[in-house]
PDB file of all heavy atoms in Angstrom:
ATOM      1  N   ALA A   1     165.707 117.120 138.610  1.00  0.00           N
ATOM      2  CA  ALA A   1     166.078 116.729 139.969  1.00  0.00           C
ATOM      3  C   ALA A   1     164.970 115.915 140.642  1.00  0.00           C
ATOM      4  O   ALA A   1     165.245 115.016 141.436  1.00  0.00           O
ATOM      5  CB  ALA A   1     166.400 117.963 140.801  1.00  0.00           C
ATOM      6  N   PHE A   2     163.721 116.226 140.320  1.00  0.00           N
ATOM      7  CA  PHE A   2     162.585 115.516 140.910  1.00  0.00           C
ATOM      8  C   PHE A   2     161.926 114.548 139.934  1.00  0.00           C
ATOM      9  O   PHE A   2     160.918 113.929 140.265  1.00  0.00           O
ATOM     10  CB  PHE A   2     161.540 116.515 141.422  1.00  0.00           C
ATOM     11  CG  PHE A   2     162.012 117.312 142.593  1.00  0.00           C
ATOM     12  CD1 PHE A   2     162.394 118.634 142.444  1.00  0.00           C
ATOM     13  CD2 PHE A   2     162.097 116.734 143.848  1.00  0.00           C
ATOM     14  CE1 PHE A   2     162.840 119.375 143.519  1.00  0.00           C
ATOM     15  CE2 PHE A   2     162.551 117.460 144.931  1.00  0.00           C
ATOM     16  CZ  PHE A   2     162.928 118.787 144.775  1.00  0.00           C
ATOM     17  N   GLY A   3     162.457 114.425 138.720  1.00  0.00           N
ATOM     18  CA  GLY A   3     161.899 113.499 137.745  1.00  0.00           C
ATOM     19  C   GLY A   3     160.555 113.938 137.183  1.00  0.00           C
ATOM     20  O   GLY A   3     159.717 113.110 136.839  1.00  0.00           O
ATOM     21  N   VAL A   4     160.341 115.246 137.060  1.00  0.00           N
ATOM     22  CA  VAL A   4     159.076 115.781 136.547  1.00  0.00           C
ATOM     23  C   VAL A   4     159.233 116.129 135.073  1.00  0.00           C
ATOM     24  O   VAL A   4     160.154 116.849 134.697  1.00  0.00           O
ATOM     25  CB  VAL A   4     158.650 117.034 137.347  1.00  0.00           C
ATOM     26  CG1 VAL A   4     157.393 117.645 136.763  1.00  0.00           C
ATOM     27  CG2 VAL A   4     158.458 116.678 138.809  1.00  0.00           C
ATOM     28  N   ALA A   5     158.345 115.619 134.252  1.00  0.00           N
ATOM     29  CA  ALA A   5     158.358 115.924 132.818  1.00  0.00           C
ATOM     30  C   ALA A   5     157.528 117.170 132.541  1.00  0.00           C
ATOM     31  O   ALA A   5     156.566 117.451 133.259  1.00  0.00           O
ATOM     32  CB  ALA A   5     157.794 114.748 132.029  1.00  0.00           C
ATOM     33  N   ALA A   6     157.885 117.903 131.511  1.00  0.00           N
ATOM     34  CA  ALA A   6     157.097 119.077 131.109  1.00  0.00           C
ATOM     35  C   ALA A   6     155.741 118.614 130.580  1.00  0.00           C
ATOM     36  O   ALA A   6     155.641 117.589 129.908  1.00  0.00           O
ATOM     37  CB  ALA A   6     157.837 119.882 130.058  1.00  0.00           C
ATOM     38  N   SER A   7     154.710 119.372 130.902  1.00  0.00           N
ATOM     39  CA  SER A   7     153.360 118.992 130.484  1.00  0.00           C
ATOM     40  C   SER A   7     152.510 120.241 130.336  1.00  0.00           C
ATOM     41  O   SER A   7     152.696 121.224 131.063  1.00  0.00           O
ATOM     42  CB  SER A   7     152.742 118.059 131.527  1.00  0.00           C
ATOM     43  OG  SER A   7     151.402 117.792 131.219  1.00  0.00           O
ATOM     44  N   ARG A   8     151.564 120.178 129.399  1.00  0.00           N
ATOM     45  CA  ARG A   8     150.620 121.286 129.218  1.00  0.00           C
ATOM     46  C   ARG A   8     149.288 120.689 128.775  1.00  0.00           C
ATOM     47  O   ARG A   8     149.240 119.897 127.838  1.00  0.00           O
ATOM     48  CB  ARG A   8     151.121 122.258 128.163  1.00  0.00           C
ATOM     49  CG  ARG A   8     150.131 123.375 127.895  1.00  0.00           C
ATOM     50  CD  ARG A   8     150.615 124.306 126.835  1.00  0.00           C
ATOM     51  NE  ARG A   8     151.757 125.044 127.372  1.00  0.00           N
ATOM     52  CZ  ARG A   8     152.456 125.929 126.692  1.00  0.00           C
ATOM     53  NH1 ARG A   8     152.151 126.190 125.444  1.00  0.00           N
ATOM     54  NH2 ARG A   8     153.459 126.564 127.236  1.00  0.00           N
ATOM     55  N   GLN A   9     148.207 121.054 129.466  1.00  0.00           N
ATOM     56  CA  GLN A   9     146.868 120.574 129.126  1.00  0.00           C
ATOM     57  C   GLN A   9     145.876 121.711 129.285  1.00  0.00           C
ATOM     58  O   GLN A   9     146.028 122.564 130.169  1.00  0.00           O
ATOM     59  CB  GLN A   9     146.463 119.420 130.030  1.00  0.00           C
ATOM     60  CG  GLN A   9     147.331 118.188 129.866  1.00  0.00           C
ATOM     61  CD  GLN A   9     146.853 117.046 130.735  1.00  0.00           C
ATOM     62  OE1 GLN A   9     145.666 116.885 130.945  1.00  0.00           O
ATOM     63  NE2 GLN A   9     147.791 116.263 131.234  1.00  0.00           N
ATOM     64  N   ASN A  10     144.848 121.708 128.432  1.00  0.00           N
ATOM     65  CA  ASN A  10     143.766 122.689 128.502  1.00  0.00           C
ATOM     66  C   ASN A  10     142.432 121.954 128.532  1.00  0.00           C
ATOM     67  O   ASN A  10     142.266 120.930 127.865  1.00  0.00           O
ATOM     68  CB  ASN A  10     143.792 123.626 127.292  1.00  0.00           C
ATOM     69  CG  ASN A  10     145.026 124.491 127.302  1.00  0.00           C
ATOM     70  OD1 ASN A  10     145.300 125.168 128.280  1.00  0.00           O
ATOM     71  ND2 ASN A  10     145.777 124.450 126.233  1.00  0.00           N
ATOM     72  N   PHE A  11     141.500 122.473 129.308  1.00  0.00           N
ATOM     73  CA  PHE A  11     140.160 121.913 129.425  1.00  0.00           C
ATOM     74  C   PHE A  11     139.163 123.052 129.282  1.00  0.00           C
ATOM     75  O   PHE A  11     139.373 124.135 129.846  1.00  0.00           O
ATOM     76  CB  PHE A  11     139.959 121.259 130.794  1.00  0.00           C
ATOM     77  CG  PHE A  11     141.007 120.247 131.139  1.00  0.00           C
ATOM     78  CD1 PHE A  11     142.140 120.627 131.835  1.00  0.00           C
ATOM     79  CD2 PHE A  11     140.868 118.929 130.763  1.00  0.00           C
ATOM     80  CE1 PHE A  11     143.119 119.704 132.163  1.00  0.00           C
ATOM     81  CE2 PHE A  11     141.843 117.997 131.078  1.00  0.00           C
ATOM     82  CZ  PHE A  11     142.972 118.389 131.778  1.00  0.00           C
ATOM     83  N   SER A  12     138.080 122.822 128.542  1.00  0.00           N
ATOM     84  CA  SER A  12     137.027 123.835 128.467  1.00  0.00           C
ATOM     85  C   SER A  12     135.694 123.138 128.235  1.00  0.00           C
ATOM     86  O   SER A  12     135.639 122.043 127.672  1.00  0.00           O
ATOM     87  CB  SER A  12     137.303 124.854 127.361  1.00  0.00           C
ATOM     88  OG  SER A  12     137.246 124.238 126.098  1.00  0.00           O
ATOM     89  N   ASP A  13     134.626 123.784 128.690  1.00  0.00           N
ATOM     90  CA  ASP A  13     133.295 123.211 128.538  1.00  0.00           C
ATOM     91  C   ASP A  13     132.248 124.295 128.795  1.00  0.00           C
ATOM     92  O   ASP A  13     132.525 125.304 129.435  1.00  0.00           O
ATOM     93  CB  ASP A  13     133.089 122.066 129.517  1.00  0.00           C
ATOM     94  CG  ASP A  13     132.031 121.084 129.067  1.00  0.00           C
ATOM     95  OD1 ASP A  13     131.387 121.324 128.030  1.00  0.00           O
ATOM     96  OD2 ASP A  13     131.849 120.057 129.748  1.00  0.00           O
ATOM     97  N   ALA A  14     131.060 124.051 128.277  1.00  0.00           N
ATOM     98  CA  ALA A  14     129.916 124.943 128.506  1.00  0.00           C
ATOM     99  C   ALA A  14     128.902 124.223 129.381  1.00  0.00           C
ATOM    100  O   ALA A  14     128.695 123.021 129.240  1.00  0.00           O
ATOM    101  CB  ALA A  14     129.286 125.337 127.178  1.00  0.00           C
ATOM    102  N   THR A  15     128.300 124.946 130.294  1.00  0.00           N
ATOM    103  CA  THR A  15     127.277 124.392 131.180  1.00  0.00           C
ATOM    104  C   THR A  15     126.066 125.315 131.165  1.00  0.00           C
ATOM    105  O   THR A  15     126.143 126.458 130.704  1.00  0.00           O
ATOM    106  CB  THR A  15     127.790 124.257 132.616  1.00  0.00           C
ATOM    107  OG1 THR A  15     128.160 125.549 133.094  1.00  0.00           O
ATOM    108  CG2 THR A  15     128.993 123.342 132.691  1.00  0.00           C
ATOM    109  N   PHE A  16     124.940 124.823 131.687  1.00  0.00           N
ATOM    110  CA  PHE A  16     123.720 125.627 131.711  1.00  0.00           C
ATOM    111  C   PHE A  16     122.827 125.199 132.865  1.00  0.00           C
ATOM    112  O   PHE A  16     123.004 124.122 133.444  1.00  0.00           O
ATOM    113  CB  PHE A  16     122.947 125.481 130.389  1.00  0.00           C
ATOM    114  CG  PHE A  16     122.266 124.148 130.250  1.00  0.00           C
ATOM    115  CD1 PHE A  16     120.952 123.981 130.654  1.00  0.00           C
ATOM    116  CD2 PHE A  16     122.947 123.065 129.736  1.00  0.00           C
ATOM    117  CE1 PHE A  16     120.334 122.751 130.545  1.00  0.00           C
ATOM    118  CE2 PHE A  16     122.342 121.836 129.615  1.00  0.00           C
ATOM    119  CZ  PHE A  16     121.027 121.679 130.013  1.00  0.00           C
ATOM    120  N   ASN A  17     121.857 126.028 133.165  1.00  0.00           N
ATOM    121  CA  ASN A  17     120.757 125.655 134.048  1.00  0.00           C
ATOM    122  C   ASN A  17     119.510 126.383 133.573  1.00  0.00           C
ATOM    123  O   ASN A  17     119.576 127.486 133.049  1.00  0.00           O
ATOM    124  CB  ASN A  17     121.060 125.955 135.522  1.00  0.00           C
ATOM    125  CG  ASN A  17     121.253 127.419 135.801  1.00  0.00           C
ATOM    126  OD1 ASN A  17     120.603 128.270 135.216  1.00  0.00           O
ATOM    127  ND2 ASN A  17     122.155 127.739 136.702  1.00  0.00           N
ATOM    128  N   ALA A  18     118.373 125.733 133.721  1.00  0.00           N
ATOM    129  CA  ALA A  18     117.087 126.310 133.339  1.00  0.00           C
ATOM    130  C   ALA A  18     116.055 125.860 134.362  1.00  0.00           C
ATOM    131  O   ALA A  18     116.080 124.714 134.811  1.00  0.00           O
ATOM    132  CB  ALA A  18     116.680 125.859 131.939  1.00  0.00           C
ATOM    133  N   SER A  19     115.162 126.769 134.743  1.00  0.00           N
ATOM    134  CA  SER A  19     114.132 126.399 135.709  1.00  0.00           C
ATOM    135  C   SER A  19     112.848 127.165 135.433  1.00  0.00           C
ATOM    136  O   SER A  19     112.844 128.203 134.780  1.00  0.00           O
ATOM    137  CB  SER A  19     114.601 126.684 137.143  1.00  0.00           C
ATOM    138  OG  SER A  19     114.701 128.067 137.370  1.00  0.00           O
ATOM    139  N   ALA A  20     111.763 126.592 135.946  1.00  0.00           N
ATOM    140  CA  ALA A  20     110.445 127.230 135.866  1.00  0.00           C
ATOM    141  C   ALA A  20     109.720 126.949 137.174  1.00  0.00           C
ATOM    142  O   ALA A  20     109.750 125.827 137.682  1.00  0.00           O
ATOM    143  CB  ALA A  20     109.641 126.694 134.688  1.00  0.00           C
ATOM    144  N   ALA A  21     109.095 127.974 137.720  1.00  0.00           N
ATOM    145  CA  ALA A  21     108.308 127.842 138.951  1.00  0.00           C
ATOM    146  C   ALA A  21     106.918 128.399 138.679  1.00  0.00           C
ATOM    147  O   ALA A  21     106.777 129.547 138.242  1.00  0.00           O
ATOM    148  CB  ALA A  21     108.977 128.583 140.099  1.00  0.00           C
ATOM    149  N   TRP A  22     105.889 127.593 138.929  1.00  0.00           N
ATOM    150  CA  TRP A  22     104.503 127.983 138.708  1.00  0.00           C
ATOM    151  C   TRP A  22     103.797 127.991 140.055  1.00  0.00           C
ATOM    152  O   TRP A  22     103.707 126.961 140.715  1.00  0.00           O
ATOM    153  CB  TRP A  22     103.822 127.009 137.748  1.00  0.00           C
ATOM    154  CG  TRP A  22     102.413 127.362 137.421  1.00  0.00           C
ATOM    155  CD1 TRP A  22     101.295 126.952 138.085  1.00  0.00           C
ATOM    156  CD2 TRP A  22     101.956 128.203 136.371  1.00  0.00           C
ATOM    157  NE1 TRP A  22     100.178 127.478 137.504  1.00  0.00           N
ATOM    158  CE2 TRP A  22     100.552 128.246 136.449  1.00  0.00           C
ATOM    159  CE3 TRP A  22     102.602 128.925 135.368  1.00  0.00           C
ATOM    160  CZ2 TRP A  22      99.791 128.983 135.553  1.00  0.00           C
ATOM    161  CZ3 TRP A  22     101.841 129.648 134.488  1.00  0.00           C
ATOM    162  CH2 TRP A  22     100.452 129.682 134.584  1.00  0.00           C
ATOM    163  N   GLN A  23     103.296 129.160 140.479  1.00  0.00           N
ATOM    164  CA  GLN A  23     102.587 129.295 141.757  1.00  0.00           C
ATOM    165  C   GLN A  23     101.118 128.974 141.516  1.00  0.00           C
ATOM    166  O   GLN A  23     100.385 129.752 140.918  1.00  0.00           O
ATOM    167  CB  GLN A  23     102.746 130.719 142.304  1.00  0.00           C
ATOM    168  CG  GLN A  23     102.312 130.866 143.721  1.00  0.00           C
ATOM    169  CD  GLN A  23     103.201 130.073 144.665  1.00  0.00           C
ATOM    170  OE1 GLN A  23     104.404 129.970 144.474  1.00  0.00           O
ATOM    171  NE2 GLN A  23     102.610 129.502 145.688  1.00  0.00           N
ATOM    172  N   LEU A  24     100.675 127.791 141.946  1.00  0.00           N
ATOM    173  CA  LEU A  24      99.303 127.351 141.717  1.00  0.00           C
ATOM    174  C   LEU A  24      98.318 128.070 142.629  1.00  0.00           C
ATOM    175  O   LEU A  24      97.232 128.446 142.216  1.00  0.00           O
ATOM    176  CB  LEU A  24      99.195 125.837 141.909  1.00  0.00           C
ATOM    177  CG  LEU A  24     100.058 125.010 140.953  1.00  0.00           C
ATOM    178  CD1 LEU A  24     100.032 123.554 141.347  1.00  0.00           C
ATOM    179  CD2 LEU A  24      99.579 125.203 139.530  1.00  0.00           C
ATOM    180  N   SER A  25      98.705 128.232 143.897  1.00  0.00           N
ATOM    181  CA  SER A  25      97.895 128.974 144.869  1.00  0.00           C
ATOM    182  C   SER A  25      98.850 129.552 145.896  1.00  0.00           C
ATOM    183  O   SER A  25     100.056 129.426 145.762  1.00  0.00           O
ATOM    184  CB  SER A  25      96.857 128.051 145.520  1.00  0.00           C
ATOM    185  OG  SER A  25      97.499 127.103 146.343  1.00  0.00           O
ATOM    186  N   GLY A  26      98.306 130.146 146.945  1.00  0.00           N
ATOM    187  CA  GLY A  26      99.168 130.753 147.957  1.00  0.00           C
ATOM    188  C   GLY A  26     100.113 129.768 148.622  1.00  0.00           C
ATOM    189  O   GLY A  26     101.226 130.113 148.977  1.00  0.00           O
ATOM    190  N   ALA A  27      99.682 128.506 148.787  1.00  0.00           N
ATOM    191  CA  ALA A  27     100.481 127.526 149.507  1.00  0.00           C
ATOM    192  C   ALA A  27     101.096 126.454 148.608  1.00  0.00           C
ATOM    193  O   ALA A  27     101.934 125.689 149.060  1.00  0.00           O
ATOM    194  CB  ALA A  27      99.627 126.845 150.574  1.00  0.00           C
ATOM    195  N   PHE A  28     100.688 126.368 147.347  1.00  0.00           N
ATOM    196  CA  PHE A  28     101.156 125.287 146.481  1.00  0.00           C
ATOM    197  C   PHE A  28     101.781 125.832 145.204  1.00  0.00           C
ATOM    198  O   PHE A  28     101.277 126.780 144.610  1.00  0.00           O
ATOM    199  CB  PHE A  28      99.991 124.358 146.098  1.00  0.00           C
ATOM    200  CG  PHE A  28      99.412 123.636 147.278  1.00  0.00           C
ATOM    201  CD1 PHE A  28      98.238 124.083 147.856  1.00  0.00           C
ATOM    202  CD2 PHE A  28     100.041 122.528 147.812  1.00  0.00           C
ATOM    203  CE1 PHE A  28      97.701 123.444 148.950  1.00  0.00           C
ATOM    204  CE2 PHE A  28      99.509 121.873 148.898  1.00  0.00           C
ATOM    205  CZ  PHE A  28      98.332 122.328 149.479  1.00  0.00           C
TER     206      PHE A  28
END
C-alpha cells in the first residue's frame, strides 16, 4: 500500500579507547 520493499541489514563493529596520564608535579 505504501510501496515499501522488504529489507534486512545487520551492522557490527568493535571500538576501543586507551589513555595514559602522568602526573609530573602537583600542578603539571
